[in-house]
Amino acid sequence: MSERDFAGEAGRAGADGRVNDRHERGTARIAALDGASTARSEAYALLAEIAPDLPRYAVEFAYGDIHSRPGLDAARRELVTLGVLIALGDCAPQLAAHLHSGLNAGLQPGEVVEAVMQVLPYAGFPRVVNAMLVARRVFGERGLL
């Protein structure tokens, strides 16, 4: 994956013309989480057409700064992210992307199911049922059913 997959030219280089370290860290982290999937880079390319700074912010801040911090492994970070996305609701594309990332990071399907169930008392049945349906679809796509 190239940096262009995630953002336009705006903001990639600093004032001195060097490529932004945050962007490099974020791009590397996304590549590690996504594996062979191109869904995230395709979504970011679509966003870059109308808001080039938005995918850059996601790459630099969410992945270059936050997801790259020490202290939690990628699988635990994905569990936290899944819980938040489920609780927010109406995030099916992002939920699917992070389910794939979590599985790529070593989560097992049973762990994912238990994490989704854990959200039930806090977010309610509609969000958990919807999340479980997204998980079922992702598991099916990966031959895990």
C-alpha atoms as a PDB file:
ATOM      1  CA  MET A   1       0.000   0.000   0.000  1.00  0.00           C
ATOM      2  CA  SER A   2       1.311   3.389  -0.798  1.00  0.00           C
ATOM      3  CA  GLU A   3       0.722   6.560   1.127  1.00  0.00           C
ATOM      4  CA  ARG A   4      -1.391   7.800  -1.768  1.00  0.00           C
ATOM      5  CA  ASP A   5      -3.899   5.079  -0.930  1.00  0.00           C
ATOM      6  CA  PHE A   6      -4.738   6.968   2.240  1.00  0.00           C
ATOM      7  CA  ALA A   7      -4.477  10.648   1.460  1.00  0.00           C
ATOM      8  CA  GLY A   8      -3.770  13.136  -1.239  1.00  0.00           C
ATOM      9  CA  GLU A   9      -0.609  15.157  -1.464  1.00  0.00           C
ATOM     10  CA  ALA A  10      -1.945  17.762   0.985  1.00  0.00           C
ATOM     11  CA  GLY A  11      -0.507  17.270   4.424  1.00  0.00           C
ATOM     12  CA  ARG A  12       1.737  14.275   3.717  1.00  0.00           C
ATOM     13  CA  ALA A  13       4.903  16.329   3.777  1.00  0.00           C
ATOM     14  CA  GLY A  14       5.943  18.733   6.485  1.00  0.00           C
ATOM     15  CA  ALA A  15       7.149  22.285   5.967  1.00  0.00           C
ATOM     16  CA  ASP A  16      10.641  20.935   5.304  1.00  0.00           C
ATOM     17  CA  GLY A  17       9.319  18.704   2.494  1.00  0.00           C
ATOM     18  CA  ARG A  18       9.869  15.441   4.374  1.00  0.00           C
ATOM     19  CA  VAL A  19       7.121  12.840   4.573  1.00  0.00           C
ATOM     20  CA  ASN A  20       5.201  13.063   7.825  1.00  0.00           C
ATOM     21  CA  ASP A  21       6.382  10.444  10.375  1.00  0.00           C
ATOM     22  CA  ARG A  22       2.852  10.153  11.772  1.00  0.00           C
ATOM     23  CA  HIS A  23       1.574   9.321   8.299  1.00  0.00           C
ATOM     24  CA  GLU A  24       4.278   6.698   7.782  1.00  0.00           C
ATOM     25  CA  ARG A  25       3.501   5.086  11.161  1.00  0.00           C
ATOM     26  CA  GLY A  26      -0.226   5.129  10.432  1.00  0.00           C
ATOM     27  CA  THR A  27       0.171   3.685   6.950  1.00  0.00           C
ATOM     28  CA  ALA A  28       2.374   0.893   8.307  1.00  0.00           C
ATOM     29  CA  ARG A  29      -0.093   0.130  11.096  1.00  0.00           C
ATOM     30  CA  ILE A  30      -3.033  -0.010   8.679  1.00  0.00           C
ATOM     31  CA  ALA A  31      -1.115  -2.303   6.330  1.00  0.00           C
ATOM     32  CA  ALA A  32      -0.387  -4.647   9.250  1.00  0.00           C
ATOM     33  CA  LEU A  33      -4.034  -4.675  10.337  1.00  0.00           C
ATOM     34  CA  ASP A  34      -5.624  -4.929   6.902  1.00  0.00           C
ATOM     35  CA  GLY A  35      -3.537  -7.717   5.422  1.00  0.00           C
ATOM     36  CA  ALA A  36      -4.719  -8.272   1.855  1.00  0.00           C
ATOM     37  CA  SER A  37      -7.913  -6.235   2.276  1.00  0.00           C
ATOM     38  CA  THR A  38      -8.253  -3.082   0.205  1.00  0.00           C
ATOM     39  CA  ALA A  39     -11.562  -1.932   1.696  1.00  0.00           C
ATOM     40  CA  ARG A  40     -10.052   0.747   3.928  1.00  0.00           C
ATOM     41  CA  SER A  41      -7.803   2.188   1.195  1.00  0.00           C
ATOM     42  CA  GLU A  42     -10.763   2.222  -1.212  1.00  0.00           C
ATOM     43  CA  ALA A  43     -12.929   4.064   1.326  1.00  0.00           C
ATOM     44  CA  TYR A  44     -10.153   6.550   2.033  1.00  0.00           C
ATOM     45  CA  ALA A  45      -9.660   7.150  -1.701  1.00  0.00           C
ATOM     46  CA  LEU A  46     -13.365   7.972  -2.062  1.00  0.00           C
ATOM     47  CA  LEU A  47     -13.202  10.354   0.889  1.00  0.00           C
ATOM     48  CA  ALA A  48     -10.057  12.003  -0.482  1.00  0.00           C
ATOM     49  CA  GLU A  49     -11.996  13.046  -3.589  1.00  0.00           C
ATOM     50  CA  ILE A  50     -14.121  15.445  -1.559  1.00  0.00           C
ATOM     51  CA  ALA A  51     -12.264  15.873   1.739  1.00  0.00           C
ATOM     52  CA  PRO A  52      -8.559  15.041   1.345  1.00  0.00           C
ATOM     53  CA  ASP A  53      -7.757  15.971   4.927  1.00  0.00           C
ATOM     54  CA  LEU A  54     -10.224  13.448   6.408  1.00  0.00           C
ATOM     55  CA  PRO A  55      -8.362  10.256   5.442  1.00  0.00           C
ATOM     56  CA  ARG A  56      -5.077  11.942   6.335  1.00  0.00           C
ATOM     57  CA  TYR A  57      -6.423  12.720   9.816  1.00  0.00           C
ATOM     58  CA  ALA A  58      -7.549   9.106  10.211  1.00  0.00           C
ATOM     59  CA  VAL A  59      -4.174   7.740   9.122  1.00  0.00           C
ATOM     60  CA  GLU A  60      -2.084  10.173  11.144  1.00  0.00           C
ATOM     61  CA  PHE A  61      -4.152  10.524  14.307  1.00  0.00           C
ATOM     62  CA  ALA A  62      -6.099   7.275  14.692  1.00  0.00           C
ATOM     63  CA  TYR A  63      -3.363   4.962  13.435  1.00  0.00           C
ATOM     64  CA  GLY A  64      -0.102   6.946  13.526  1.00  0.00           C
ATOM     65  CA  ASP A  65      -0.673   8.398  16.996  1.00  0.00           C
ATOM     66  CA  ILE A  66      -3.268   6.335  18.881  1.00  0.00           C
ATOM     67  CA  HIS A  67      -3.233   2.816  17.426  1.00  0.00           C
ATOM     68  CA  SER A  68       0.585   2.811  17.330  1.00  0.00           C
ATOM     69  CA  ARG A  69       0.989   3.592  21.036  1.00  0.00           C
ATOM     70  CA  PRO A  70       2.642   1.004  23.259  1.00  0.00           C
ATOM     71  CA  GLY A  71       0.727  -0.663  26.066  1.00  0.00           C
ATOM     72  CA  LEU A  72      -1.893  -2.720  24.249  1.00  0.00           C
ATOM     73  CA  ASP A  73      -1.441  -5.235  21.494  1.00  0.00           C
ATOM     74  CA  ALA A  74      -3.401  -4.856  18.258  1.00  0.00           C
ATOM     75  CA  ALA A  75      -5.991  -7.484  19.219  1.00  0.00           C
ATOM     76  CA  ARG A  76      -6.872  -5.719  22.484  1.00  0.00           C
ATOM     77  CA  ARG A  77      -7.051  -2.370  20.694  1.00  0.00           C
ATOM     78  CA  GLU A  78      -9.466  -3.891  18.191  1.00  0.00           C
ATOM     79  CA  LEU A  79     -11.655  -5.278  20.989  1.00  0.00           C
ATOM     80  CA  VAL A  80     -11.933  -1.792  22.475  1.00  0.00           C
ATOM     81  CA  THR A  81     -12.698  -0.335  19.045  1.00  0.00           C
ATOM     82  CA  LEU A  82     -15.361  -2.970  18.387  1.00  0.00           C
ATOM     83  CA  GLY A  83     -17.071  -2.183  21.696  1.00  0.00           C
ATOM     84  CA  VAL A  84     -17.183   1.521  20.929  1.00  0.00           C
ATOM     85  CA  LEU A  85     -18.456   1.041  17.366  1.00  0.00           C
ATOM     86  CA  ILE A  86     -21.169  -1.326  18.576  1.00  0.00           C
ATOM     87  CA  ALA A  87     -22.229   1.110  21.289  1.00  0.00           C
ATOM     88  CA  LEU A  88     -22.346   3.990  18.799  1.00  0.00           C
ATOM     89  CA  GLY A  89     -24.479   1.986  16.376  1.00  0.00           C
ATOM     90  CA  ASP A  90     -24.968   2.790  12.687  1.00  0.00           C
ATOM     91  CA  CYS A  91     -21.295   1.994  11.967  1.00  0.00           C
ATOM     92  CA  ALA A  92     -21.605  -1.250   9.977  1.00  0.00           C
ATOM     93  CA  PRO A  93     -18.843  -0.488   7.418  1.00  0.00           C
ATOM     94  CA  GLN A  94     -16.398   0.555  10.125  1.00  0.00           C
ATOM     95  CA  LEU A  95     -17.450  -2.377  12.301  1.00  0.00           C
ATOM     96  CA  ALA A  96     -16.788  -4.815   9.445  1.00  0.00           C
ATOM     97  CA  ALA A  97     -13.378  -3.258   8.789  1.00  0.00           C
ATOM     98  CA  HIS A  98     -12.406  -3.549  12.463  1.00  0.00           C
ATOM     99  CA  LEU A  99     -13.739  -7.097  12.669  1.00  0.00           C
ATOM    100  CA  HIS A 100     -11.392  -7.993   9.818  1.00  0.00           C
ATOM    101  CA  SER A 101      -8.552  -6.117  11.541  1.00  0.00           C
ATOM    102  CA  GLY A 102      -9.244  -7.893  14.821  1.00  0.00           C
ATOM    103  CA  LEU A 103      -9.204 -11.289  13.163  1.00  0.00           C
ATOM    104  CA  ASN A 104      -5.994 -10.331  11.364  1.00  0.00           C
ATOM    105  CA  ALA A 105      -4.553  -9.306  14.746  1.00  0.00           C
ATOM    106  CA  GLY A 106      -5.255 -12.757  16.175  1.00  0.00           C
ATOM    107  CA  LEU A 107      -8.734 -12.548  17.664  1.00  0.00           C
ATOM    108  CA  GLN A 108     -10.673 -15.780  17.405  1.00  0.00           C
ATOM    109  CA  PRO A 109     -14.329 -15.795  16.260  1.00  0.00           C
ATOM    110  CA  GLY A 110     -15.463 -16.958  19.717  1.00  0.00           C
ATOM    111  CA  GLU A 111     -13.665 -14.019  21.335  1.00  0.00           C
ATOM    112  CA  VAL A 112     -15.359 -11.632  18.928  1.00  0.00           C
ATOM    113  CA  VAL A 113     -18.775 -13.106  19.711  1.00  0.00           C
ATOM    114  CA  GLU A 114     -18.136 -12.748  23.456  1.00  0.00           C
ATOM    115  CA  ALA A 115     -16.946  -9.157  22.997  1.00  0.00           C
ATOM    116  CA  VAL A 116     -20.130  -8.333  21.094  1.00  0.00           C
ATOM    117  CA  MET A 117     -22.221 -10.010  23.799  1.00  0.00           C
ATOM    118  CA  GLN A 118     -20.373  -8.004  26.468  1.00  0.00           C
ATOM    119  CA  VAL A 119     -21.802  -4.805  24.980  1.00  0.00           C
ATOM    120  CA  LEU A 120     -25.421  -6.000  25.371  1.00  0.00           C
ATOM    121  CA  PRO A 121     -26.183  -4.562  28.843  1.00  0.00           C
ATOM    122  CA  TYR A 122     -24.632  -1.214  27.896  1.00  0.00           C
ATOM    123  CA  ALA A 123     -25.831  -0.641  24.335  1.00  0.00           C
ATOM    124  CA  GLY A 124     -28.944  -2.815  24.096  1.00  0.00           C
ATOM    125  CA  PHE A 125     -30.351  -5.493  21.844  1.00  0.00           C
ATOM    126  CA  PRO A 126     -30.740  -3.557  18.563  1.00  0.00           C
ATOM    127  CA  ARG A 127     -27.077  -2.556  18.409  1.00  0.00           C
ATOM    128  CA  VAL A 128     -25.793  -5.939  19.528  1.00  0.00           C
ATOM    129  CA  VAL A 129     -28.053  -7.854  17.130  1.00  0.00           C
ATOM    130  CA  ASN A 130     -26.931  -5.610  14.256  1.00  0.00           C
ATOM    131  CA  ALA A 131     -23.282  -6.043  15.252  1.00  0.00           C
ATOM    132  CA  MET A 132     -23.667  -9.816  15.473  1.00  0.00           C
ATOM    133  CA  LEU A 133     -25.125  -9.845  11.957  1.00  0.00           C
ATOM    134  CA  VAL A 134     -22.109  -7.896  10.704  1.00  0.00           C
ATOM    135  CA  ALA A 135     -19.825 -10.353  12.511  1.00  0.00           C
ATOM    136  CA  ARG A 136     -21.677 -13.272  10.914  1.00  0.00           C
ATOM    137  CA  ARG A 137     -21.177 -11.719   7.468  1.00  0.00           C
ATOM    138  CA  VAL A 138     -17.462 -11.128   8.107  1.00  0.00           C
ATOM    139  CA  PHE A 139     -16.995 -14.663   9.439  1.00  0.00           C
ATOM    140  CA  GLY A 140     -18.756 -15.986   6.342  1.00  0.00           C
ATOM    141  CA  GLU A 141     -16.544 -13.936   4.024  1.00  0.00           C
ATOM    142  CA  ARG A 142     -13.510 -15.432   5.736  1.00  0.00           C
ATOM    143  CA  GLY A 143     -14.816 -19.010   5.744  1.00  0.00           C
ATOM    144  CA  LEU A 144     -15.090 -19.081   9.546  1.00  0.00           C
ATOM    145  CA  LEU A 145     -18.705 -20.240   9.891  1.00  0.00           C
END
